[in-house]
Amino acid sequence: MKKQYVMTAFMVVMAMFFLVSSSHATLWDFNSLTGGTNINGVNLGGVTITAPDSYVGVIADYQTFSGTPSIHASSWSAGLTLTMTFDSLVKSVSIYGGDYGGDSDWFSMKAYNALGNQIAFADTGSFSGIDPIHTVAGWAGDYRYLAVSADDIKSVVLTQVTWGCMWDNLDTTPVPVPAAFWLLGSGLLGLVGLRKKFRT
């Protein structure tokens, strides 16, 4: 019986640990990616990025506003999109977009739920220069921070509205673990403890 108690308690604790560890924000800075590669359809540890023409490029650090590798569509043409699909549902998504300067840029982000329904939208409007609110030390050129929030986001679509953009520092906040899970976990541990008490 003791062995069964220990195994049950271990499984409950591991389930609770998994729920806690999966509830932290995740940042993809793309720094480990190699310039010139196509990452279309590659899972980057929780997110898969795709494009209608099957090309999601990685651009070298010296050409980006962040000074580190960033991602981009197949060309700088207006209207091109990248879709970012998350392994787990999230409640907010943010990203930086722009280029290394000298022009005006503009991009938008639409969020979708698992059924494919649009649930949020954000738009930078036309911009140039560094972001005056979300400034990042060491970054230069033209860039803006853009974020969307909604319940149960499964994917977002980035659109370069005018001239092409590069994107960096994709950040998400997961859907929080419901209180019911914590109650269930503590309740199971309590029941296991009571069972042991009555059997001894």
N, C-alpha and C. Protein backbone atom coordinates (compact mmCIF):
# COMPACT_ATOMS: atom_id res chain seq x y z
N MET A 1 0.82 -1.21 0.00
CA MET A 1 0.00 0.00 0.00
C MET A 1 0.85 1.26 0.00
N LYS A 2 1.96 1.19 0.76
CA LYS A 2 2.83 2.37 0.85
C LYS A 2 3.36 2.74 -0.53
N LYS A 3 3.73 1.72 -1.29
CA LYS A 3 4.26 1.95 -2.64
C LYS A 3 3.20 2.62 -3.52
N GLN A 4 1.94 2.17 -3.40
CA GLN A 4 0.86 2.76 -4.19
C GLN A 4 0.63 4.21 -3.79
N TYR A 5 0.69 4.50 -2.50
CA TYR A 5 0.53 5.87 -2.00
C TYR A 5 1.61 6.79 -2.57
N VAL A 6 2.84 6.29 -2.50
CA VAL A 6 3.97 7.09 -2.99
C VAL A 6 3.83 7.35 -4.48
N MET A 7 3.44 6.33 -5.25
CA MET A 7 3.28 6.51 -6.70
C MET A 7 2.16 7.50 -7.03
N THR A 8 1.04 7.39 -6.31
CA THR A 8 -0.07 8.32 -6.55
C THR A 8 0.32 9.74 -6.22
N ALA A 9 0.96 9.92 -5.07
CA ALA A 9 1.41 11.25 -4.67
C ALA A 9 2.40 11.81 -5.68
N PHE A 10 3.31 10.96 -6.15
CA PHE A 10 4.30 11.40 -7.13
C PHE A 10 3.63 11.86 -8.42
N MET A 11 2.62 11.11 -8.89
CA MET A 11 1.94 11.48 -10.13
C MET A 11 1.18 12.79 -9.98
N VAL A 12 0.54 13.01 -8.84
CA VAL A 12 -0.19 14.25 -8.60
C VAL A 12 0.78 15.43 -8.57
N VAL A 13 1.89 15.27 -7.85
CA VAL A 13 2.89 16.35 -7.77
C VAL A 13 3.47 16.67 -9.14
N MET A 14 3.76 15.65 -9.94
CA MET A 14 4.31 15.87 -11.29
C MET A 14 3.30 16.57 -12.18
N ALA A 15 2.03 16.21 -12.07
CA ALA A 15 0.99 16.87 -12.87
C ALA A 15 0.89 18.34 -12.49
N MET A 16 0.94 18.63 -11.19
CA MET A 16 0.88 20.02 -10.75
C MET A 16 2.12 20.79 -11.20
N PHE A 17 3.29 20.14 -11.14
CA PHE A 17 4.52 20.78 -11.60
C PHE A 17 4.44 21.11 -13.08
N PHE A 18 3.90 20.18 -13.87
CA PHE A 18 3.77 20.42 -15.30
C PHE A 18 2.86 21.61 -15.57
N LEU A 19 1.75 21.69 -14.85
CA LEU A 19 0.82 22.80 -15.04
C LEU A 19 1.47 24.12 -14.67
N VAL A 20 2.27 24.14 -13.60
CA VAL A 20 2.95 25.37 -13.20
C VAL A 20 4.00 25.76 -14.23
N SER A 21 4.82 24.78 -14.65
CA SER A 21 5.90 25.09 -15.58
C SER A 21 5.39 25.51 -16.94
N SER A 22 4.19 25.06 -17.30
CA SER A 22 3.65 25.42 -18.62
C SER A 22 2.87 26.74 -18.58
N SER A 23 2.85 27.40 -17.40
CA SER A 23 2.07 28.63 -17.29
C SER A 23 2.95 29.87 -17.29
N HIS A 24 4.24 29.72 -17.61
CA HIS A 24 5.14 30.87 -17.66
C HIS A 24 5.21 31.45 -19.06
N ALA A 25 5.50 32.74 -19.14
CA ALA A 25 5.64 33.40 -20.43
C ALA A 25 6.80 32.80 -21.21
N THR A 26 6.69 32.82 -22.52
CA THR A 26 7.74 32.27 -23.39
C THR A 26 8.20 33.35 -24.36
N LEU A 27 9.52 33.47 -24.51
CA LEU A 27 10.11 34.43 -25.44
C LEU A 27 10.93 33.68 -26.48
N TRP A 28 10.66 33.99 -27.74
CA TRP A 28 11.49 33.48 -28.84
C TRP A 28 12.25 34.68 -29.42
N ASP A 29 13.58 34.70 -29.23
CA ASP A 29 14.38 35.82 -29.75
C ASP A 29 15.08 35.48 -31.06
N PHE A 30 14.97 34.24 -31.51
CA PHE A 30 15.51 33.76 -32.80
C PHE A 30 17.04 33.84 -32.88
N ASN A 31 17.71 34.08 -31.74
CA ASN A 31 19.16 34.25 -31.76
C ASN A 31 19.92 32.99 -32.16
N SER A 32 19.32 31.83 -31.94
CA SER A 32 20.01 30.57 -32.27
C SER A 32 19.86 30.18 -33.73
N LEU A 33 19.07 30.95 -34.49
CA LEU A 33 18.83 30.61 -35.90
C LEU A 33 19.95 31.16 -36.79
N THR A 34 20.17 30.47 -37.90
CA THR A 34 21.24 30.84 -38.84
C THR A 34 20.69 31.67 -39.98
N GLY A 35 21.34 32.80 -40.26
CA GLY A 35 20.92 33.65 -41.36
C GLY A 35 20.90 32.91 -42.68
N GLY A 36 19.88 33.20 -43.51
CA GLY A 36 19.77 32.58 -44.82
C GLY A 36 19.01 31.27 -44.84
N THR A 37 18.55 30.80 -43.69
CA THR A 37 17.81 29.54 -43.66
C THR A 37 16.31 29.77 -43.76
N ASN A 38 15.60 28.75 -44.21
CA ASN A 38 14.14 28.77 -44.32
C ASN A 38 13.57 27.94 -43.18
N ILE A 39 12.83 28.57 -42.27
CA ILE A 39 12.29 27.84 -41.12
C ILE A 39 10.79 27.61 -41.26
N ASN A 40 10.25 27.71 -42.47
CA ASN A 40 8.82 27.48 -42.68
C ASN A 40 8.44 26.08 -42.18
N GLY A 41 7.44 26.02 -41.29
CA GLY A 41 6.95 24.73 -40.79
C GLY A 41 7.79 24.09 -39.72
N VAL A 42 8.86 24.74 -39.29
CA VAL A 42 9.74 24.18 -38.25
C VAL A 42 9.20 24.58 -36.88
N ASN A 43 9.04 23.61 -36.00
CA ASN A 43 8.61 23.93 -34.63
C ASN A 43 9.81 24.45 -33.85
N LEU A 44 9.66 25.64 -33.31
CA LEU A 44 10.76 26.29 -32.58
C LEU A 44 10.58 26.15 -31.07
N GLY A 45 10.05 25.03 -30.65
CA GLY A 45 9.85 24.82 -29.23
C GLY A 45 8.62 25.51 -28.70
N GLY A 46 7.49 25.24 -29.33
CA GLY A 46 6.22 25.81 -28.87
C GLY A 46 5.51 26.66 -29.89
N VAL A 47 6.19 27.03 -30.97
CA VAL A 47 5.55 27.81 -32.03
C VAL A 47 6.07 27.33 -33.38
N THR A 48 5.16 27.27 -34.36
CA THR A 48 5.52 26.92 -35.74
C THR A 48 5.13 28.09 -36.62
N ILE A 49 6.08 28.57 -37.42
CA ILE A 49 5.85 29.74 -38.26
C ILE A 49 5.77 29.29 -39.72
N THR A 50 4.71 29.75 -40.41
CA THR A 50 4.50 29.36 -41.80
C THR A 50 4.15 30.58 -42.64
N ALA A 51 4.30 30.43 -43.95
CA ALA A 51 3.94 31.48 -44.91
C ALA A 51 3.20 30.84 -46.07
N PRO A 52 2.31 31.58 -46.74
CA PRO A 52 1.57 31.02 -47.88
C PRO A 52 2.47 30.49 -48.98
N ASP A 53 3.64 31.10 -49.17
CA ASP A 53 4.56 30.63 -50.20
C ASP A 53 5.64 29.70 -49.65
N SER A 54 5.44 29.23 -48.41
CA SER A 54 6.34 28.26 -47.76
C SER A 54 7.76 28.77 -47.55
N TYR A 55 7.88 30.08 -47.36
CA TYR A 55 9.21 30.62 -47.06
C TYR A 55 9.15 31.58 -45.87
N VAL A 56 9.83 31.21 -44.80
CA VAL A 56 10.03 32.08 -43.63
C VAL A 56 11.53 32.17 -43.44
N GLY A 57 12.09 33.31 -43.80
CA GLY A 57 13.53 33.45 -43.79
C GLY A 57 14.09 33.95 -42.47
N VAL A 58 15.36 33.67 -42.27
CA VAL A 58 16.12 34.22 -41.14
C VAL A 58 17.14 35.17 -41.72
N ILE A 59 17.15 36.40 -41.23
CA ILE A 59 18.07 37.41 -41.77
C ILE A 59 19.19 37.65 -40.78
N ALA A 60 20.40 37.85 -41.30
CA ALA A 60 21.58 37.98 -40.46
C ALA A 60 21.51 39.22 -39.56
N ASP A 61 22.24 39.15 -38.47
CA ASP A 61 22.16 40.19 -37.45
C ASP A 61 22.55 41.58 -37.93
N TYR A 62 23.52 41.71 -38.82
CA TYR A 62 23.98 43.04 -39.22
C TYR A 62 22.95 43.79 -40.05
N GLN A 63 21.91 43.12 -40.52
CA GLN A 63 20.88 43.77 -41.34
C GLN A 63 19.61 44.08 -40.57
N THR A 64 19.57 43.83 -39.27
CA THR A 64 18.34 43.94 -38.51
C THR A 64 18.37 45.12 -37.54
N PHE A 65 17.18 45.55 -37.11
CA PHE A 65 17.09 46.64 -36.14
C PHE A 65 17.57 46.21 -34.76
N SER A 66 17.52 44.89 -34.47
CA SER A 66 17.90 44.39 -33.15
C SER A 66 19.38 44.04 -33.05
N GLY A 67 20.05 43.92 -34.20
CA GLY A 67 21.45 43.50 -34.18
C GLY A 67 21.62 42.01 -33.96
N THR A 68 20.52 41.27 -33.98
CA THR A 68 20.55 39.81 -33.83
C THR A 68 19.66 39.21 -34.92
N PRO A 69 19.77 37.90 -35.17
CA PRO A 69 18.94 37.29 -36.22
C PRO A 69 17.45 37.54 -36.00
N SER A 70 16.75 37.83 -37.10
CA SER A 70 15.30 38.08 -37.08
C SER A 70 14.66 37.28 -38.21
N ILE A 71 13.34 37.20 -38.21
CA ILE A 71 12.65 36.46 -39.26
C ILE A 71 11.96 37.43 -40.22
N HIS A 72 11.68 36.96 -41.43
CA HIS A 72 11.04 37.81 -42.44
C HIS A 72 10.33 36.95 -43.47
N ALA A 73 9.45 37.60 -44.23
CA ALA A 73 8.75 36.92 -45.33
C ALA A 73 9.69 36.78 -46.52
N SER A 74 9.19 36.19 -47.60
CA SER A 74 10.05 35.88 -48.75
C SER A 74 10.49 37.11 -49.53
N SER A 75 9.77 38.22 -49.39
CA SER A 75 10.19 39.46 -50.06
C SER A 75 9.68 40.64 -49.25
N TRP A 76 10.03 41.84 -49.69
CA TRP A 76 9.62 43.05 -48.97
C TRP A 76 8.29 43.60 -49.48
N SER A 77 7.61 42.84 -50.34
CA SER A 77 6.36 43.32 -50.94
C SER A 77 5.27 43.51 -49.89
N ALA A 78 4.46 44.55 -50.08
CA ALA A 78 3.34 44.80 -49.17
C ALA A 78 2.33 43.66 -49.23
N GLY A 79 1.74 43.35 -48.10
CA GLY A 79 0.68 42.35 -48.04
C GLY A 79 1.12 40.94 -47.69
N LEU A 80 2.43 40.67 -47.68
CA LEU A 80 2.88 39.32 -47.34
C LEU A 80 2.64 39.04 -45.86
N THR A 81 2.38 37.79 -45.55
CA THR A 81 2.02 37.41 -44.18
C THR A 81 2.88 36.26 -43.66
N LEU A 82 2.98 36.19 -42.35
CA LEU A 82 3.54 35.04 -41.64
C LEU A 82 2.52 34.62 -40.59
N THR A 83 2.30 33.31 -40.47
CA THR A 83 1.38 32.79 -39.46
C THR A 83 2.17 32.06 -38.38
N MET A 84 1.89 32.40 -37.13
CA MET A 84 2.55 31.78 -35.98
C MET A 84 1.51 30.98 -35.22
N THR A 85 1.68 29.66 -35.21
CA THR A 85 0.73 28.77 -34.56
C THR A 85 1.38 28.19 -33.31
N PHE A 86 0.70 28.33 -32.17
CA PHE A 86 1.27 27.93 -30.89
C PHE A 86 0.82 26.53 -30.50
N ASP A 87 1.71 25.78 -29.87
CA ASP A 87 1.38 24.43 -29.43
C ASP A 87 0.27 24.45 -28.38
N SER A 88 0.31 25.45 -27.51
CA SER A 88 -0.69 25.60 -26.45
C SER A 88 -1.38 26.95 -26.59
N LEU A 89 -2.58 27.04 -26.07
CA LEU A 89 -3.32 28.30 -26.13
C LEU A 89 -2.63 29.37 -25.28
N VAL A 90 -2.66 30.60 -25.76
CA VAL A 90 -2.05 31.72 -25.04
C VAL A 90 -3.08 32.83 -24.88
N LYS A 91 -2.81 33.75 -23.96
CA LYS A 91 -3.76 34.86 -23.75
C LYS A 91 -3.22 36.19 -24.25
N SER A 92 -1.92 36.25 -24.57
CA SER A 92 -1.37 37.47 -25.17
C SER A 92 -0.17 37.13 -26.02
N VAL A 93 0.02 37.93 -27.07
CA VAL A 93 1.15 37.76 -27.98
C VAL A 93 1.72 39.14 -28.27
N SER A 94 3.04 39.27 -28.19
CA SER A 94 3.67 40.53 -28.57
C SER A 94 4.90 40.25 -29.42
N ILE A 95 5.28 41.25 -30.23
CA ILE A 95 6.44 41.09 -31.11
C ILE A 95 6.93 42.48 -31.51
N TYR A 96 8.19 42.55 -31.86
CA TYR A 96 8.77 43.77 -32.43
C TYR A 96 8.94 43.59 -33.93
N GLY A 97 8.65 44.63 -34.69
CA GLY A 97 8.80 44.57 -36.13
C GLY A 97 9.37 45.86 -36.68
N GLY A 98 10.01 45.76 -37.83
CA GLY A 98 10.58 46.95 -38.47
C GLY A 98 11.72 46.57 -39.37
N ASP A 99 12.65 47.52 -39.58
CA ASP A 99 13.84 47.24 -40.37
C ASP A 99 14.98 48.13 -39.90
N TYR A 100 16.07 48.15 -40.67
CA TYR A 100 17.26 48.86 -40.20
C TYR A 100 17.26 50.34 -40.53
N GLY A 101 16.14 50.87 -41.01
CA GLY A 101 16.00 52.33 -41.07
C GLY A 101 15.97 52.92 -42.46
N GLY A 102 15.63 54.21 -42.49
CA GLY A 102 15.67 54.95 -43.73
C GLY A 102 14.34 55.04 -44.46
N ASP A 103 13.27 54.49 -43.90
CA ASP A 103 11.97 54.55 -44.56
C ASP A 103 10.88 54.47 -43.49
N SER A 104 9.63 54.44 -43.92
CA SER A 104 8.54 54.23 -42.98
C SER A 104 8.02 52.81 -43.14
N ASP A 105 7.57 52.24 -42.04
CA ASP A 105 7.08 50.86 -42.03
C ASP A 105 5.70 50.80 -41.40
N TRP A 106 5.08 49.62 -41.51
CA TRP A 106 3.73 49.45 -40.99
C TRP A 106 3.42 47.96 -41.00
N PHE A 107 2.97 47.44 -39.87
CA PHE A 107 2.54 46.04 -39.86
C PHE A 107 1.37 45.87 -38.91
N SER A 108 0.68 44.75 -39.07
CA SER A 108 -0.50 44.46 -38.25
C SER A 108 -0.43 43.02 -37.75
N MET A 109 -1.25 42.72 -36.75
CA MET A 109 -1.32 41.37 -36.20
C MET A 109 -2.77 41.01 -35.90
N LYS A 110 -3.22 39.87 -36.43
CA LYS A 110 -4.54 39.33 -36.14
C LYS A 110 -4.38 38.06 -35.33
N ALA A 111 -5.23 37.90 -34.31
CA ALA A 111 -5.20 36.70 -33.47
C ALA A 111 -6.42 35.85 -33.76
N TYR A 112 -6.22 34.53 -33.75
CA TYR A 112 -7.30 33.58 -34.04
C TYR A 112 -7.38 32.52 -32.95
N ASN A 113 -8.60 32.02 -32.71
CA ASN A 113 -8.75 30.91 -31.77
C ASN A 113 -8.58 29.59 -32.52
N ALA A 114 -8.74 28.48 -31.81
CA ALA A 114 -8.53 27.16 -32.41
C ALA A 114 -9.54 26.83 -33.50
N LEU A 115 -10.68 27.53 -33.52
CA LEU A 115 -11.69 27.31 -34.56
C LEU A 115 -11.42 28.15 -35.80
N GLY A 116 -10.39 29.00 -35.75
CA GLY A 116 -10.06 29.85 -36.89
C GLY A 116 -10.80 31.16 -36.93
N ASN A 117 -11.47 31.51 -35.83
CA ASN A 117 -12.19 32.78 -35.76
C ASN A 117 -11.26 33.89 -35.27
N GLN A 118 -11.30 35.03 -35.94
CA GLN A 118 -10.48 36.16 -35.50
C GLN A 118 -11.03 36.70 -34.18
N ILE A 119 -10.14 36.87 -33.20
CA ILE A 119 -10.57 37.31 -31.87
C ILE A 119 -9.85 38.57 -31.39
N ALA A 120 -8.84 39.04 -32.14
CA ALA A 120 -8.16 40.28 -31.75
C ALA A 120 -7.40 40.82 -32.95
N PHE A 121 -7.14 42.14 -32.91
CA PHE A 121 -6.42 42.80 -34.00
C PHE A 121 -5.63 43.97 -33.43
N ALA A 122 -4.43 44.16 -33.95
CA ALA A 122 -3.62 45.32 -33.58
C ALA A 122 -2.85 45.80 -34.80
N ASP A 123 -2.55 47.09 -34.83
CA ASP A 123 -1.97 47.72 -36.01
C ASP A 123 -1.01 48.81 -35.55
N THR A 124 0.17 48.86 -36.14
CA THR A 124 1.14 49.89 -35.72
C THR A 124 0.84 51.25 -36.32
N GLY A 125 0.15 51.27 -37.48
CA GLY A 125 0.10 52.50 -38.25
C GLY A 125 1.48 52.76 -38.85
N SER A 126 1.59 53.75 -39.70
CA SER A 126 2.87 54.06 -40.33
C SER A 126 3.83 54.61 -39.28
N PHE A 127 5.08 54.14 -39.31
CA PHE A 127 6.06 54.60 -38.31
C PHE A 127 7.45 54.65 -38.91
N SER A 128 8.32 55.40 -38.26
CA SER A 128 9.75 55.40 -38.55
C SER A 128 10.48 55.73 -37.27
N GLY A 129 11.72 55.34 -37.18
CA GLY A 129 12.50 55.55 -35.96
C GLY A 129 12.21 54.50 -34.91
N ILE A 130 12.92 54.62 -33.79
CA ILE A 130 12.76 53.64 -32.72
C ILE A 130 11.44 53.84 -31.99
N ASP A 131 10.97 52.78 -31.35
CA ASP A 131 9.72 52.84 -30.60
C ASP A 131 9.90 53.78 -29.40
N PRO A 132 9.11 54.85 -29.30
CA PRO A 132 9.31 55.82 -28.21
C PRO A 132 8.87 55.30 -26.84
N ILE A 133 8.05 54.27 -26.82
CA ILE A 133 7.55 53.74 -25.54
C ILE A 133 8.28 52.46 -25.15
N HIS A 134 8.40 51.53 -26.10
CA HIS A 134 9.04 50.24 -25.83
C HIS A 134 10.45 50.22 -26.43
N THR A 135 11.27 51.15 -25.99
CA THR A 135 12.63 51.25 -26.50
C THR A 135 13.49 50.13 -25.92
N VAL A 136 14.33 49.54 -26.77
CA VAL A 136 15.24 48.48 -26.33
C VAL A 136 16.67 48.99 -26.51
N ALA A 137 17.46 48.94 -25.44
CA ALA A 137 18.84 49.43 -25.48
C ALA A 137 19.64 48.67 -26.53
N GLY A 138 20.34 49.40 -27.37
CA GLY A 138 21.20 48.80 -28.38
C GLY A 138 20.53 48.59 -29.72
N TRP A 139 19.21 48.73 -29.78
CA TRP A 139 18.51 48.59 -31.05
C TRP A 139 18.49 49.91 -31.79
N ALA A 140 18.43 49.85 -33.11
CA ALA A 140 18.43 51.06 -33.93
C ALA A 140 17.52 50.86 -35.13
N GLY A 141 17.47 51.87 -36.00
CA GLY A 141 16.63 51.76 -37.20
C GLY A 141 15.18 52.09 -36.88
N ASP A 142 14.28 51.43 -37.61
CA ASP A 142 12.84 51.63 -37.42
C ASP A 142 12.26 50.37 -36.80
N TYR A 143 11.60 50.49 -35.65
CA TYR A 143 10.92 49.34 -35.08
C TYR A 143 9.79 49.79 -34.16
N ARG A 144 8.78 48.90 -34.05
CA ARG A 144 7.66 49.11 -33.15
C ARG A 144 7.31 47.81 -32.44
N TYR A 145 6.78 47.97 -31.24
CA TYR A 145 6.26 46.86 -30.43
C TYR A 145 4.76 46.77 -30.70
N LEU A 146 4.26 45.56 -30.89
CA LEU A 146 2.83 45.37 -31.14
C LEU A 146 2.36 44.16 -30.33
N ALA A 147 1.16 44.28 -29.71
CA ALA A 147 0.65 43.19 -28.88
C ALA A 147 -0.85 43.03 -29.07
N VAL A 148 -1.32 41.79 -28.90
CA VAL A 148 -2.75 41.49 -28.87
C VAL A 148 -3.03 40.64 -27.63
N SER A 149 -4.24 40.78 -27.10
CA SER A 149 -4.68 39.98 -25.95
C SER A 149 -6.10 39.49 -26.19
N ALA A 150 -6.34 38.25 -25.85
CA ALA A 150 -7.68 37.65 -25.97
C ALA A 150 -7.65 36.29 -25.28
N ASP A 151 -8.81 35.75 -25.01
CA ASP A 151 -8.89 34.41 -24.43
C ASP A 151 -8.59 33.37 -25.49
N ASP A 152 -7.70 32.43 -25.16
CA ASP A 152 -7.47 31.23 -25.98
C ASP A 152 -7.00 31.53 -27.40
N ILE A 153 -5.88 32.25 -27.52
CA ILE A 153 -5.27 32.50 -28.84
C ILE A 153 -4.52 31.25 -29.27
N LYS A 154 -4.81 30.77 -30.46
CA LYS A 154 -4.10 29.61 -31.01
C LYS A 154 -3.05 30.03 -32.04
N SER A 155 -3.32 31.13 -32.77
CA SER A 155 -2.37 31.58 -33.79
C SER A 155 -2.51 33.07 -34.02
N VAL A 156 -1.47 33.66 -34.59
CA VAL A 156 -1.52 35.06 -35.02
C VAL A 156 -0.99 35.15 -36.44
N VAL A 157 -1.49 36.13 -37.18
CA VAL A 157 -1.01 36.39 -38.54
C VAL A 157 -0.42 37.79 -38.57
N LEU A 158 0.86 37.87 -38.93
CA LEU A 158 1.53 39.15 -39.11
C LEU A 158 1.47 39.55 -40.57
N THR A 159 1.13 40.80 -40.84
CA THR A 159 1.06 41.30 -42.21
C THR A 159 1.93 42.54 -42.34
N GLN A 160 2.83 42.54 -43.33
CA GLN A 160 3.58 43.76 -43.62
C GLN A 160 2.70 44.61 -44.53
N VAL A 161 2.13 45.66 -43.94
CA VAL A 161 1.09 46.44 -44.62
C VAL A 161 1.67 47.22 -45.78
N THR A 162 2.83 47.81 -45.58
CA THR A 162 3.47 48.56 -46.68
C THR A 162 4.77 47.87 -47.05
N TRP A 163 5.87 48.52 -46.83
CA TRP A 163 7.19 47.94 -47.10
C TRP A 163 7.44 46.78 -46.14
N GLY A 164 8.30 45.86 -46.56
CA GLY A 164 8.55 44.66 -45.77
C GLY A 164 9.13 44.91 -44.39
N CYS A 165 8.90 43.97 -43.51
CA CYS A 165 9.38 44.05 -42.13
C CYS A 165 10.18 42.81 -41.76
N MET A 166 11.01 42.98 -40.75
CA MET A 166 11.61 41.87 -40.03
C MET A 166 10.97 41.84 -38.66
N TRP A 167 10.92 40.65 -38.05
CA TRP A 167 10.30 40.53 -36.73
C TRP A 167 11.24 39.84 -35.75
N ASP A 168 11.16 40.28 -34.51
CA ASP A 168 12.05 39.74 -33.47
C ASP A 168 11.32 39.76 -32.13
N ASN A 169 11.85 38.98 -31.20
CA ASN A 169 11.36 38.91 -29.82
C ASN A 169 9.85 38.64 -29.74
N LEU A 170 9.45 37.49 -30.27
CA LEU A 170 8.07 37.01 -30.12
C LEU A 170 7.88 36.57 -28.67
N ASP A 171 6.86 37.09 -28.02
CA ASP A 171 6.63 36.81 -26.60
C ASP A 171 5.16 36.43 -26.39
N THR A 172 4.92 35.41 -25.59
CA THR A 172 3.53 35.00 -25.30
C THR A 172 3.34 34.81 -23.80
N THR A 173 2.10 35.00 -23.38
CA THR A 173 1.68 34.68 -22.01
C THR A 173 0.63 33.59 -22.12
N PRO A 174 0.85 32.45 -21.46
CA PRO A 174 -0.09 31.34 -21.60
C PRO A 174 -1.41 31.58 -20.89
N VAL A 175 -2.40 30.81 -21.27
CA VAL A 175 -3.68 30.82 -20.56
C VAL A 175 -3.41 30.32 -19.15
N PRO A 176 -3.83 31.05 -18.10
CA PRO A 176 -3.52 30.63 -16.73
C PRO A 176 -4.19 29.32 -16.36
N VAL A 177 -3.51 28.59 -15.48
CA VAL A 177 -4.06 27.32 -15.00
C VAL A 177 -5.26 27.61 -14.11
N PRO A 178 -6.43 27.05 -14.41
CA PRO A 178 -7.62 27.32 -13.60
C PRO A 178 -7.44 26.87 -12.15
N ALA A 179 -8.08 27.60 -11.24
CA ALA A 179 -8.00 27.25 -9.82
C ALA A 179 -8.51 25.84 -9.56
N ALA A 180 -9.44 25.38 -10.41
CA ALA A 180 -9.99 24.03 -10.23
C ALA A 180 -8.91 22.96 -10.28
N PHE A 181 -7.85 23.18 -11.10
CA PHE A 181 -6.77 22.20 -11.18
C PHE A 181 -6.04 22.10 -9.84
N TRP A 182 -5.81 23.28 -9.21
CA TRP A 182 -5.13 23.28 -7.92
C TRP A 182 -5.99 22.58 -6.87
N LEU A 183 -7.29 22.85 -6.89
CA LEU A 183 -8.17 22.19 -5.93
C LEU A 183 -8.20 20.69 -6.16
N LEU A 184 -8.24 20.29 -7.42
CA LEU A 184 -8.24 18.86 -7.74
C LEU A 184 -6.97 18.20 -7.25
N GLY A 185 -5.82 18.83 -7.51
CA GLY A 185 -4.54 18.26 -7.09
C GLY A 185 -4.44 18.11 -5.59
N SER A 186 -4.80 19.18 -4.85
CA SER A 186 -4.71 19.11 -3.39
C SER A 186 -5.74 18.13 -2.84
N GLY A 187 -6.92 18.07 -3.48
CA GLY A 187 -7.94 17.12 -3.04
C GLY A 187 -7.49 15.67 -3.21
N LEU A 188 -6.86 15.37 -4.35
CA LEU A 188 -6.36 14.01 -4.57
C LEU A 188 -5.31 13.63 -3.55
N LEU A 189 -4.40 14.57 -3.26
CA LEU A 189 -3.39 14.29 -2.25
C LEU A 189 -4.04 14.04 -0.89
N GLY A 190 -5.06 14.84 -0.57
CA GLY A 190 -5.76 14.65 0.69
C GLY A 190 -6.44 13.30 0.78
N LEU A 191 -7.09 12.88 -0.31
CA LEU A 191 -7.76 11.58 -0.33
C LEU A 191 -6.77 10.44 -0.17
N VAL A 192 -5.64 10.56 -0.83
CA VAL A 192 -4.61 9.52 -0.70
C VAL A 192 -4.13 9.45 0.75
N GLY A 193 -3.95 10.62 1.38
CA GLY A 193 -3.52 10.65 2.77
C GLY A 193 -4.56 10.03 3.69
N LEU A 194 -5.84 10.33 3.49
CA LEU A 194 -6.91 9.76 4.31
C LEU A 194 -6.99 8.24 4.13
N ARG A 195 -6.83 7.79 2.90
CA ARG A 195 -6.89 6.36 2.63
C ARG A 195 -5.80 5.63 3.39
N LYS A 196 -4.61 6.23 3.38
CA LYS A 196 -3.49 5.62 4.10
C LYS A 196 -3.79 5.59 5.60
N LYS A 197 -4.34 6.69 6.12
CA LYS A 197 -4.62 6.78 7.55
C LYS A 197 -5.60 5.71 8.01
N PHE A 198 -6.67 5.49 7.21
CA PHE A 198 -7.68 4.51 7.60
C PHE A 198 -7.19 3.07 7.43
N ARG A 199 -6.18 2.85 6.60
CA ARG A 199 -5.69 1.49 6.39
C ARG A 199 -4.63 1.10 7.41
N THR A 200 -4.08 2.11 8.10
CA THR A 200 -3.04 1.79 9.09
C THR A 200 -3.63 1.56 10.46
